[in-house]
């Protein structure tokens, strides 16, 4: 007879192992790509996003420990087992500690020393801080909110608030604030761990998100309420409006994340106004992270949440074309993400957040306006939209939104690794093109100043023309890949077949499309440059 401890441990390992492997692969791939990219300190954003993907993977994995019970509706049956609840909890925590601990060791050993001014004091916080939060705070918030994705969201807020408060005492270098944040995170994680041990044995069996609750009417009551509403209203609402309302309701967690960003940004602005020399954490960087993670969360909930709630099958039976419903879903999701990613940061831009106030020895205040951290930059908007579309595709293959968000992390790691690996190739191609140009110029032309200016002017004009061709190539290839990805997501959304064969075939198709697009880009660039010259 198999022991209950062995069965439960095996269940926990089987639930976490695939996603744990994905985060490990993403972390190692990003680390290898950053070490061998050939550009030490050349692109800081790769370093920052590598840490972000690593931390988000640990937090999402920690949310899955208790969140899987909420996802599958098994929390009630788990709590009524003839086993002491603390034993159930310690088994879950033991498996979680082992997995996130290995992730922390992998991150500490593989992630390189980044070219950031405050990297040395920030390394413990950035590498081991997510591990501490994942063990002590994420399971607690997941249990309290009964939402699988709420644990990582609220878990990150705790060290963020500690850092904002600590910055007021250490506004100069920032290393002291990082140290306070690191130890404060450890203390709060320990408090959360103790609170989890006290609350889990007293957790309610009902209202786990699957059964009846005070916020969910019984089927008969729902039919009666809808019949009464139909009699009270003599006009029918258009299906487009009802679909838009339905899509917006699916994004409740997205609005919660934006609300936390708004709250944290307001705290930072108030702190800046109360103490003018105080610079505090940058809202500009916070706005970029907010935009990308809002895109990932919104995209991951678009299709998977309907499948998780059990309404997707009924949705596909509506007397409307499937492509119309899908087009409306994509339009509402992407539009909502862009509105949240633009409107909220623009509000802080109007308040002139992150402005610097320097006081001279004479007591005169010199106000330096904030840098243009939120200008109309097409790269930011395109990146947010593409992140949302990628998450939406993964959502069409996932059974719930947490699995879709977890799947986004290895994909983001692979994309970052591929981008870092392609950078030397791009630079080598440009150098090769320019070398060929200068090799074809007779040395005698450089002896005359006028001839040299003409050569430089002609070379500059040709280079701008080539850049224009490359920009159009990028737009065409990106649009083609987006349409192809949405087509695959549409096919996944309207079917229940999400087997390994379908996923493998689509992965091969996406990889082949990207390989062909990359070859087309470089080949067309060489051809265009040969024609121009």
Protein backbone atom coordinates (compact mmCIF):
# COMPACT_ATOMS: atom_id res chain seq x y z
CA UNK A 1 0.00 0.00 0.00
CA UNK A 2 1.41 3.36 -1.04
CA UNK A 3 1.76 5.90 1.78
CA UNK A 4 -0.29 9.08 1.69
CA UNK A 5 2.85 11.22 2.03
CA UNK A 6 4.39 9.65 -1.06
CA UNK A 7 1.20 10.11 -3.09
CA UNK A 8 0.83 13.76 -2.12
CA UNK A 9 4.51 14.50 -2.75
CA UNK A 10 4.32 12.88 -6.17
CA UNK A 11 1.22 14.93 -6.97
CA UNK A 12 2.96 18.18 -6.04
CA UNK A 13 6.07 17.32 -8.03
CA UNK A 14 4.07 16.36 -11.12
CA UNK A 15 2.13 19.63 -10.97
CA UNK A 16 5.20 21.86 -10.63
CA UNK A 17 7.86 19.95 -12.55
CA UNK A 18 7.01 20.98 -16.17
CA UNK A 19 6.86 24.68 -15.31
CA UNK A 20 9.96 24.40 -13.11
CA UNK A 21 11.88 22.94 -16.02
CA UNK A 22 10.67 25.75 -18.27
CA UNK A 23 11.91 28.43 -15.86
CA UNK A 24 15.26 26.64 -15.46
CA UNK A 25 15.73 26.40 -19.23
CA UNK A 26 14.78 30.05 -19.70
CA UNK A 27 17.18 31.20 -16.96
CA UNK A 28 20.11 29.19 -18.27
CA UNK A 29 19.43 30.17 -21.89
CA UNK A 30 19.31 33.87 -21.03
CA UNK A 31 22.47 33.60 -18.94
CA UNK A 32 24.42 31.84 -21.69
CA UNK A 33 23.20 34.33 -24.29
CA UNK A 34 24.16 37.32 -22.14
CA UNK A 35 27.62 35.90 -21.40
CA UNK A 36 28.35 35.07 -25.04
CA UNK A 37 26.62 37.95 -26.76
CA UNK A 38 29.87 39.77 -27.43
CA UNK A 39 28.44 43.04 -26.15
CA UNK A 40 29.47 43.45 -22.50
CA UNK A 41 27.42 46.34 -21.16
CA UNK A 42 26.12 47.15 -24.66
CA UNK A 43 22.39 46.59 -24.10
CA UNK A 44 21.28 47.14 -20.51
CA UNK A 45 17.64 46.27 -21.20
CA UNK A 46 18.53 42.62 -21.85
CA UNK A 47 20.09 42.41 -18.42
CA UNK A 48 17.08 43.97 -16.72
CA UNK A 49 14.56 41.80 -18.56
CA UNK A 50 16.57 38.68 -17.82
CA UNK A 51 16.19 39.38 -14.10
CA UNK A 52 12.50 40.21 -14.59
CA UNK A 53 11.77 36.93 -16.40
CA UNK A 54 13.74 34.96 -13.79
CA UNK A 55 11.87 36.60 -10.87
CA UNK A 56 8.46 36.32 -12.53
CA UNK A 57 9.06 32.62 -13.19
CA UNK A 58 9.80 31.93 -9.52
CA UNK A 59 6.76 33.90 -8.32
CA UNK A 60 4.39 32.26 -10.79
CA UNK A 61 5.73 28.82 -9.85
CA UNK A 62 5.13 29.62 -6.18
CA UNK A 63 1.55 30.68 -6.95
CA UNK A 64 0.96 27.33 -8.63
CA UNK A 65 1.65 25.45 -5.39
CA UNK A 66 -1.73 26.40 -3.89
CA UNK A 67 -3.16 27.87 -7.06
CA UNK A 68 -3.40 24.47 -8.75
CA UNK A 69 -5.98 23.44 -6.14
CA UNK A 70 -8.01 26.55 -6.97
CA UNK A 71 -7.60 25.99 -10.69
CA UNK A 72 -8.81 22.40 -10.64
CA UNK A 73 -11.38 22.97 -7.88
CA UNK A 74 -9.70 20.44 -5.57
CA UNK A 75 -9.07 22.67 -2.55
CA UNK A 76 -12.29 21.57 -0.86
CA UNK A 77 -11.52 17.86 -1.27
CA UNK A 78 -7.93 18.44 -0.15
CA UNK A 79 -8.97 20.14 3.08
CA UNK A 80 -11.43 17.40 4.05
CA UNK A 81 -8.90 14.58 3.71
CA UNK A 82 -8.34 12.50 6.90
CA UNK A 83 -4.87 14.00 7.22
CA UNK A 84 -3.76 16.85 9.43
CA UNK A 85 -3.89 20.08 7.44
CA UNK A 86 -0.49 21.22 8.63
CA UNK A 87 0.99 18.05 7.20
CA UNK A 88 -0.61 18.83 3.84
CA UNK A 89 0.76 22.35 3.97
CA UNK A 90 4.28 21.29 4.94
CA UNK A 91 4.38 18.81 2.09
CA UNK A 92 3.45 21.54 -0.37
CA UNK A 93 5.97 23.94 1.16
CA UNK A 94 8.74 21.32 1.17
CA UNK A 95 8.33 20.64 -2.56
CA UNK A 96 8.10 24.36 -3.28
CA UNK A 97 11.20 25.19 -1.22
CA UNK A 98 13.21 22.49 -3.00
CA UNK A 99 12.23 23.72 -6.46
CA UNK A 100 12.58 27.47 -5.95
CA UNK A 101 15.79 26.86 -4.00
CA UNK A 102 17.29 25.09 -7.00
CA UNK A 103 16.12 27.96 -9.18
CA UNK A 104 17.85 30.41 -6.87
CA UNK A 105 21.09 28.44 -7.01
CA UNK A 106 20.83 28.24 -10.82
CA UNK A 107 20.27 31.99 -11.06
CA UNK A 108 23.12 32.75 -8.67
CA UNK A 109 25.55 30.52 -10.58
CA UNK A 110 24.55 31.34 -14.16
CA UNK A 111 23.34 34.94 -14.25
CA UNK A 112 26.39 37.12 -14.99
CA UNK A 113 27.54 40.18 -13.10
CA UNK A 114 25.57 42.86 -14.89
CA UNK A 115 26.93 46.26 -15.87
CA UNK A 116 24.73 48.19 -13.47
CA UNK A 117 26.06 50.77 -10.99
CA UNK A 118 24.23 49.25 -8.00
CA UNK A 119 24.45 45.60 -9.03
CA UNK A 120 26.67 44.42 -6.15
CA UNK A 121 24.27 45.40 -3.31
CA UNK A 122 21.21 44.57 -5.41
CA UNK A 123 22.29 41.04 -6.37
CA UNK A 124 21.02 39.31 -3.17
CA UNK A 125 17.69 41.11 -3.49
CA UNK A 126 17.24 40.37 -7.19
CA UNK A 127 18.46 36.76 -7.08
CA UNK A 128 17.22 35.49 -3.70
CA UNK A 129 14.46 38.04 -3.05
CA UNK A 130 12.00 36.26 -5.41
CA UNK A 131 12.81 32.98 -3.66
CA UNK A 132 11.95 34.46 -0.25
CA UNK A 133 8.78 36.09 -1.57
CA UNK A 134 7.75 32.90 -3.34
CA UNK A 135 8.02 30.87 -0.14
CA UNK A 136 6.58 33.32 2.39
CA UNK A 137 4.24 35.78 0.65
CA UNK A 138 2.92 34.36 -2.64
CA UNK A 139 1.20 31.27 -1.15
CA UNK A 140 -0.30 33.46 1.59
CA UNK A 141 -1.80 35.98 -0.85
CA UNK A 142 -3.01 33.17 -3.09
CA UNK A 143 -4.81 31.56 -0.17
CA UNK A 144 -6.31 34.85 1.05
CA UNK A 145 -7.55 36.08 -2.33
CA UNK A 146 -8.41 32.63 -3.78
CA UNK A 147 -6.95 33.91 -7.07
CA UNK A 148 -3.99 32.10 -8.58
CA UNK A 149 -2.47 35.15 -10.25
CA UNK A 150 -3.07 37.51 -7.34
CA UNK A 151 -0.24 35.99 -5.27
CA UNK A 152 2.63 37.11 -7.53
CA UNK A 153 1.02 40.51 -8.12
CA UNK A 154 0.59 41.40 -4.45
CA UNK A 155 3.83 39.68 -3.46
CA UNK A 156 5.89 42.11 -5.55
CA UNK A 157 4.15 45.12 -3.98
CA UNK A 158 5.64 44.40 -0.53
CA UNK A 159 9.34 44.89 -1.42
CA UNK A 160 8.34 47.75 -3.71
CA UNK A 161 6.76 49.66 -0.82
CA UNK A 162 9.72 48.87 1.43
CA UNK A 163 12.08 50.30 -1.18
CA UNK A 164 10.00 53.47 -1.61
CA UNK A 165 10.03 54.07 2.14
CA UNK A 166 13.73 53.25 2.49
CA UNK A 167 14.66 55.61 -0.34
CA UNK A 168 13.55 58.57 1.76
CA UNK A 169 16.28 57.79 4.29
CA UNK A 170 18.95 56.92 1.71
CA UNK A 171 18.31 59.26 -1.24
CA UNK A 172 21.93 59.69 -2.31
CA UNK A 173 23.58 56.46 -3.40
CA UNK A 174 20.71 54.02 -3.17
CA UNK A 175 22.80 51.14 -1.78
CA UNK A 176 21.49 51.64 1.74
CA UNK A 177 17.90 51.50 0.51
CA UNK A 178 18.63 48.26 -1.36
CA UNK A 179 20.10 46.72 1.79
CA UNK A 180 17.08 47.76 3.87
CA UNK A 181 14.77 46.37 1.18
CA UNK A 182 16.62 43.04 1.17
CA UNK A 183 16.40 42.53 4.93
CA UNK A 184 12.87 43.94 5.03
CA UNK A 185 11.82 41.43 2.37
CA UNK A 186 13.27 38.60 4.45
CA UNK A 187 11.39 39.79 7.55
CA UNK A 188 8.07 40.19 5.72
CA UNK A 189 8.49 36.80 4.04
CA UNK A 190 9.07 35.21 7.44
CA UNK A 191 5.95 36.92 8.81
CA UNK A 192 3.98 35.73 5.79
CA UNK A 193 5.25 32.19 6.24
CA UNK A 194 4.10 32.16 9.88
CA UNK A 195 0.72 33.63 8.90
CA UNK A 196 0.32 30.95 6.22
CA UNK A 197 0.96 28.25 8.82
CA UNK A 198 -1.72 29.74 11.06
CA UNK A 199 -4.35 30.41 8.40
CA UNK A 200 -4.16 27.24 6.30
CA UNK A 201 -5.51 24.92 9.04
CA UNK A 202 -8.46 27.33 9.46
CA UNK A 203 -9.17 27.77 5.75
CA UNK A 204 -12.79 27.46 4.71
CA UNK A 205 -13.71 24.42 2.65
CA UNK A 206 -16.45 26.19 0.72
CA UNK A 207 -16.10 29.24 -1.50
CA UNK A 208 -12.92 28.02 -3.18
CA UNK A 209 -13.89 29.57 -6.46
CA UNK A 210 -15.68 26.50 -7.87
CA UNK A 211 -18.74 25.88 -5.73
CA UNK A 212 -21.70 28.02 -4.81
CA UNK A 213 -20.97 31.28 -3.03
CA UNK A 214 -22.83 34.39 -1.99
CA UNK A 215 -21.70 36.10 -5.18
CA UNK A 216 -22.91 33.30 -7.45
CA UNK A 217 -26.63 32.53 -7.81
CA UNK A 218 -27.95 29.06 -8.15
CA UNK A 219 -28.99 28.00 -11.69
CA UNK A 220 -32.67 28.48 -10.97
CA UNK A 221 -32.08 31.88 -9.45
CA UNK A 222 -29.91 32.87 -12.41
CA UNK A 223 -32.66 31.89 -14.85
CA UNK A 224 -35.23 33.76 -12.82
CA UNK A 225 -33.07 36.86 -12.58
CA UNK A 226 -32.32 36.84 -16.29
CA UNK A 227 -36.02 36.35 -17.10
CA UNK A 228 -36.94 39.26 -14.85
CA UNK A 229 -34.26 41.43 -16.42
CA UNK A 230 -35.54 40.52 -19.87
CA UNK A 231 -39.08 41.55 -18.91
CA UNK A 232 -37.83 44.78 -17.32
CA UNK A 233 -36.00 45.78 -20.46
CA UNK A 234 -37.90 45.93 -23.71
CA UNK A 235 -34.87 46.51 -25.91
CA UNK A 236 -32.14 44.04 -26.76
CA UNK A 237 -28.51 45.01 -26.54
CA UNK A 238 -26.30 44.48 -29.53
CA UNK A 239 -24.10 41.38 -29.42
CA UNK A 240 -20.99 43.47 -30.05
CA UNK A 241 -21.58 45.52 -26.91
CA UNK A 242 -22.29 42.42 -24.83
CA UNK A 243 -19.11 40.79 -26.12
CA UNK A 244 -17.06 43.86 -25.25
CA UNK A 245 -18.47 43.90 -21.72
CA UNK A 246 -17.69 40.20 -21.39
CA UNK A 247 -14.07 40.70 -22.51
CA UNK A 248 -13.60 43.60 -20.10
CA UNK A 249 -14.95 41.53 -17.20
CA UNK A 250 -12.36 38.86 -17.94
CA UNK A 251 -9.61 41.43 -17.29
CA UNK A 252 -10.34 42.13 -13.63
CA UNK A 253 -6.82 41.17 -12.57
CA UNK A 254 -5.38 43.40 -15.30
CA UNK A 255 -7.21 46.37 -13.82
CA UNK A 256 -5.95 45.36 -10.38
CA UNK A 257 -2.33 45.41 -11.60
CA UNK A 258 -2.84 48.85 -13.15
CA UNK A 259 -4.46 50.02 -9.93
CA UNK A 260 -1.40 48.90 -7.95
CA UNK A 261 0.84 50.74 -10.41
CA UNK A 262 -1.30 53.86 -9.98
CA UNK A 263 -1.15 53.54 -6.18
CA UNK A 264 2.61 52.98 -6.05
CA UNK A 265 3.22 55.82 -8.50
CA UNK A 266 1.06 58.15 -6.41
CA UNK A 267 3.08 57.25 -3.29
CA UNK A 268 6.31 58.04 -5.14
CA UNK A 269 5.00 61.39 -6.43
CA UNK A 270 3.77 62.40 -2.98
CA UNK A 271 7.15 61.48 -1.48
CA UNK A 272 8.89 63.56 -4.16
CA UNK A 273 6.68 66.57 -3.46
CA UNK A 274 7.06 66.35 0.33
CA UNK A 275 10.85 66.21 0.10
CA UNK A 276 11.98 68.02 -3.09
CA UNK A 277 15.57 66.70 -3.16
CA UNK A 278 14.18 63.18 -2.94
CA UNK A 279 14.40 61.47 -6.34
CA UNK A 280 13.10 58.05 -5.36
CA UNK A 281 12.60 55.10 -7.68
CA UNK A 282 11.94 56.07 -11.27
CA UNK A 283 8.33 56.02 -12.43
CA UNK A 284 9.57 55.77 -16.01
CA UNK A 285 11.12 52.35 -15.47
CA UNK A 286 8.08 51.30 -13.44
CA UNK A 287 5.82 52.35 -16.32
CA UNK A 288 7.72 50.17 -18.79
CA UNK A 289 7.46 47.11 -16.52
CA UNK A 290 3.79 47.86 -15.94
CA UNK A 291 3.07 48.01 -19.66
CA UNK A 292 4.77 44.71 -20.47
CA UNK A 293 3.37 42.74 -17.55
CA UNK A 294 -0.13 44.12 -18.11
CA UNK A 295 0.17 42.92 -21.70
CA UNK A 296 1.21 39.43 -20.56
CA UNK A 297 -1.54 39.18 -17.95
CA UNK A 298 -4.29 40.47 -20.25
CA UNK A 299 -3.25 38.22 -23.11
CA UNK A 300 -3.00 35.15 -20.89
CA UNK A 301 -6.55 35.67 -19.57
CA UNK A 302 -8.25 36.35 -22.89
CA UNK A 303 -8.86 32.76 -23.99
CA UNK A 304 -7.72 30.55 -21.11
CA UNK A 305 -10.00 32.20 -18.54
CA UNK A 306 -13.09 31.36 -20.61
CA UNK A 307 -11.90 27.77 -20.87
CA UNK A 308 -11.27 27.67 -17.13
CA UNK A 309 -14.73 29.04 -16.32
CA UNK A 310 -16.34 26.47 -18.62
CA UNK A 311 -18.06 29.00 -20.89
CA UNK A 312 -15.88 28.63 -23.99
CA UNK A 313 -17.91 25.79 -25.49
CA UNK A 314 -21.13 27.78 -25.12
CA UNK A 315 -19.43 30.86 -26.53
CA UNK A 316 -18.48 29.05 -29.73
CA UNK A 317 -22.14 28.03 -30.26
CA UNK A 318 -23.36 31.60 -30.56
CA UNK A 319 -25.04 32.41 -33.90
CA UNK A 320 -22.12 34.56 -34.97
CA UNK A 321 -19.14 33.73 -37.12
CA UNK A 322 -16.22 32.43 -35.09
CA UNK A 323 -13.79 34.81 -36.78
CA UNK A 324 -15.97 37.78 -35.80
CA UNK A 325 -15.92 36.78 -32.14
CA UNK A 326 -12.17 36.18 -32.28
CA UNK A 327 -11.50 39.50 -34.01
CA UNK A 328 -13.54 41.28 -31.35
CA UNK A 329 -11.68 39.49 -28.55
CA UNK A 330 -8.27 40.40 -29.97
CA UNK A 331 -9.30 44.00 -30.63
CA UNK A 332 -10.69 44.56 -27.14
CA UNK A 333 -7.72 42.91 -25.41
CA UNK A 334 -5.03 44.76 -27.35
CA UNK A 335 -6.92 48.08 -27.14
CA UNK A 336 -7.35 47.71 -23.38
CA UNK A 337 -3.65 46.95 -22.94
CA UNK A 338 -2.56 49.92 -25.01
CA UNK A 339 -4.94 52.24 -23.16
CA UNK A 340 -3.63 51.12 -19.77
CA UNK A 341 -0.01 51.19 -20.95
CA UNK A 342 -0.38 54.73 -22.34
CA UNK A 343 -3.00 56.55 -20.27
CA UNK A 344 -1.65 55.84 -16.78
CA UNK A 345 2.01 56.70 -17.54
CA UNK A 346 0.84 59.78 -19.42
CA UNK A 347 -1.00 60.90 -16.28
CA UNK A 348 2.27 60.84 -14.36
CA UNK A 349 3.94 62.63 -17.25
CA UNK A 350 1.43 65.47 -16.88
CA UNK A 351 2.29 65.65 -13.18
CA UNK A 352 5.98 65.98 -14.12
CA UNK A 353 6.92 62.95 -12.06
CA UNK A 354 10.59 62.09 -11.57
CA UNK A 355 11.61 65.71 -11.82
CA UNK A 356 14.85 66.60 -10.04
CA UNK A 357 15.14 69.51 -7.61
CA UNK A 358 18.66 70.65 -6.75
CA UNK A 359 19.27 73.18 -4.01
CA UNK A 360 22.27 75.47 -4.19
CA UNK A 361 24.23 76.51 -1.06
CA UNK A 362 22.36 79.84 -1.23
CA UNK A 363 19.03 78.04 -0.81
CA UNK A 364 17.91 78.52 -4.41
CA UNK A 365 16.02 75.55 -5.85
CA UNK A 366 16.80 74.60 -9.43
CA UNK A 367 14.12 72.39 -10.93
CA UNK A 368 15.21 70.05 -13.70
CA UNK A 369 12.22 68.63 -15.59
CA UNK A 370 11.88 64.90 -15.91
CA UNK A 371 13.56 63.28 -18.86
CA UNK A 372 11.38 62.30 -21.77
CA UNK A 373 10.84 58.78 -20.43
CA UNK A 374 7.42 58.52 -22.04
CA UNK A 375 7.68 60.16 -25.40
CA UNK A 376 5.67 58.76 -28.31
CA UNK A 377 8.04 55.88 -28.96
CA UNK A 378 6.81 53.33 -31.47
CA UNK A 379 9.13 50.63 -30.12
CA UNK A 380 7.44 50.66 -26.71
CA UNK A 381 3.92 50.45 -28.10
CA UNK A 382 4.82 47.77 -30.63
CA UNK A 383 6.61 45.75 -27.96
CA UNK A 384 3.61 45.90 -25.61
CA UNK A 385 1.21 44.89 -28.41
CA UNK A 386 3.42 41.99 -29.52
CA UNK A 387 3.78 40.77 -25.93
CA UNK A 388 -0.01 40.79 -25.60
CA UNK A 389 -0.45 38.86 -28.85
CA UNK A 390 2.15 36.25 -27.84
CA UNK A 391 0.43 35.78 -24.47
CA UNK A 392 -2.92 35.51 -26.25
CA UNK A 393 -1.57 32.69 -28.44
CA UNK A 394 -0.26 30.81 -25.42
CA UNK A 395 -3.61 31.44 -23.72
CA UNK A 396 -5.35 29.64 -26.59
CA UNK A 397 -3.30 26.52 -25.72
CA UNK A 398 -3.71 26.68 -21.94
CA UNK A 399 -6.41 25.38 -19.63
CA UNK A 400 -6.23 28.40 -17.32
CA UNK A 401 -4.66 31.85 -17.19
CA UNK A 402 -1.92 30.91 -14.70
CA UNK A 403 -0.60 28.19 -17.02
CA UNK A 404 -0.66 30.68 -19.89
CA UNK A 405 1.31 33.22 -17.85
CA UNK A 406 3.82 30.56 -16.82
CA UNK A 407 4.23 29.53 -20.46
CA UNK A 408 5.02 33.14 -21.35
CA UNK A 409 8.15 33.11 -19.19
CA UNK A 410 10.15 30.39 -21.02
CA UNK A 411 9.06 31.92 -24.32
CA UNK A 412 10.25 35.34 -23.15
CA UNK A 413 13.55 33.79 -22.07
CA UNK A 414 14.05 32.16 -25.46
CA UNK A 415 13.18 35.42 -27.23
CA UNK A 416 15.66 37.38 -25.10
CA UNK A 417 18.35 34.75 -25.67
CA UNK A 418 17.74 34.74 -29.41
CA UNK A 419 17.78 38.54 -29.54
CA UNK A 420 21.05 38.72 -27.63
CA UNK A 421 22.53 36.07 -29.92
CA UNK A 422 21.40 37.87 -33.08
CA UNK A 423 22.87 41.23 -32.09
CA UNK A 424 26.47 40.28 -33.05
CA UNK A 425 25.16 39.00 -36.39
CA UNK A 426 23.37 42.28 -37.06
CA UNK A 427 26.45 44.32 -36.16
CA UNK A 428 28.70 42.07 -38.22
CA UNK A 429 26.38 42.45 -41.24
CA UNK A 430 26.41 46.24 -40.97
CA UNK A 431 30.19 46.34 -40.61
CA UNK A 432 30.57 44.06 -43.62
CA UNK A 433 28.35 46.29 -45.73
CA UNK A 434 30.19 49.45 -44.70
CA UNK A 435 33.60 47.80 -45.23
CA UNK A 436 32.64 46.88 -48.75
CA UNK A 437 31.58 50.45 -49.43
CA UNK A 438 34.83 51.98 -48.22
CA UNK A 439 36.88 49.30 -49.99
CA UNK A 440 35.39 50.36 -53.31
CA UNK A 441 36.34 54.02 -52.87
CA UNK A 442 39.65 54.92 -54.60
CA UNK A 443 42.29 56.20 -52.15
CA UNK A 444 42.84 59.25 -54.33
CA UNK A 445 39.37 60.54 -53.51
CA UNK A 446 40.29 60.90 -49.83
CA UNK A 447 43.18 63.23 -50.63
CA UNK A 448 40.84 65.97 -51.78
CA UNK A 449 38.63 67.51 -49.09
CA UNK A 450 35.75 68.16 -51.50
CA UNK A 451 35.82 64.59 -52.81
CA UNK A 452 35.87 63.27 -49.26
CA UNK A 453 32.79 65.31 -48.38
CA UNK A 454 30.99 64.07 -51.47
CA UNK A 455 31.81 60.48 -50.59
CA UNK A 456 30.56 60.93 -47.02
CA UNK A 457 27.40 62.67 -48.22
CA UNK A 458 26.66 59.92 -50.73
CA UNK A 459 27.38 57.22 -48.16
CA UNK A 460 25.06 58.88 -45.63
CA UNK A 461 22.24 59.12 -48.18
CA UNK A 462 22.66 55.46 -49.15
CA UNK A 463 22.70 54.40 -45.52
CA UNK A 464 19.46 56.27 -44.75
CA UNK A 465 17.87 54.68 -47.79
CA UNK A 466 18.96 51.23 -46.63
CA UNK A 467 17.60 51.88 -43.15
CA UNK A 468 14.26 52.85 -44.69
CA UNK A 469 14.17 49.60 -46.64
CA UNK A 470 15.02 47.65 -43.50
CA UNK A 471 12.26 49.42 -41.56
CA UNK A 472 9.69 48.50 -44.19
CA UNK A 473 10.96 44.91 -44.21
CA UNK A 474 10.58 44.78 -40.43
CA UNK A 475 7.02 46.09 -40.60
CA UNK A 476 5.99 43.65 -43.33
CA UNK A 477 7.57 40.61 -41.68
CA UNK A 478 6.20 41.53 -38.24
CA UNK A 479 2.69 42.02 -39.62
CA UNK A 480 2.88 38.70 -41.48
CA UNK A 481 4.04 36.86 -38.38
CA UNK A 482 1.31 38.50 -36.29
CA UNK A 483 -1.41 37.40 -38.73
CA UNK A 484 0.02 33.88 -38.82
CA UNK A 485 0.15 33.69 -35.02
CA UNK A 486 -3.41 34.99 -34.64
CA UNK A 487 -4.61 32.45 -37.20
CA UNK A 488 -3.10 29.62 -35.17
CA UNK A 489 -4.54 31.08 -31.95
CA UNK A 490 -7.98 31.30 -33.57
CA UNK A 491 -7.83 27.62 -34.51
CA UNK A 492 -6.78 26.71 -30.97
CA UNK A 493 -9.45 28.88 -29.38
CA UNK A 494 -12.40 27.25 -31.10
CA UNK A 495 -11.34 23.65 -30.50
CA UNK A 496 -10.77 21.49 -27.45
CA UNK A 497 -7.84 19.67 -29.06
CA UNK A 498 -4.68 20.93 -27.35
CA UNK A 499 -2.69 17.73 -27.63
CA UNK A 500 1.05 17.35 -27.91
CA UNK A 501 0.90 16.73 -31.66
CA UNK A 502 -0.91 19.99 -32.36
CA UNK A 503 1.45 21.98 -30.15
CA UNK A 504 4.53 20.35 -31.71
CA UNK A 505 3.33 21.02 -35.26
CA UNK A 506 2.56 24.64 -34.48
CA UNK A 507 5.94 25.07 -32.75
CA UNK A 508 7.68 23.71 -35.86
CA UNK A 509 5.60 26.02 -38.05
CA UNK A 510 6.38 29.09 -35.94
CA UNK A 511 10.09 28.25 -35.84
CA UNK A 512 10.17 27.74 -39.62
CA UNK A 513 8.34 31.03 -40.16
CA UNK A 514 10.80 32.91 -37.97
CA UNK A 515 13.79 31.26 -39.70
CA UNK A 516 12.41 32.18 -43.13
CA UNK A 517 11.64 35.72 -41.98
CA UNK A 518 15.18 36.17 -40.59
CA UNK A 519 16.75 34.84 -43.78
CA UNK A 520 14.45 37.07 -45.84
CA UNK A 521 15.43 40.12 -43.81
CA UNK A 522 19.19 39.64 -44.19
CA UNK A 523 18.93 38.49 -47.81
CA UNK A 524 16.69 41.41 -48.81
CA UNK A 525 19.02 43.82 -46.96
CA UNK A 526 22.04 42.57 -48.91
CA UNK A 527 20.11 42.73 -52.18
CA UNK A 528 18.84 46.25 -51.45
CA UNK A 529 22.34 47.44 -50.55
CA UNK A 530 23.81 45.98 -53.74
CA UNK A 531 21.13 47.73 -55.81
CA UNK A 532 21.61 51.02 -53.97
CA UNK A 533 25.39 50.95 -54.44
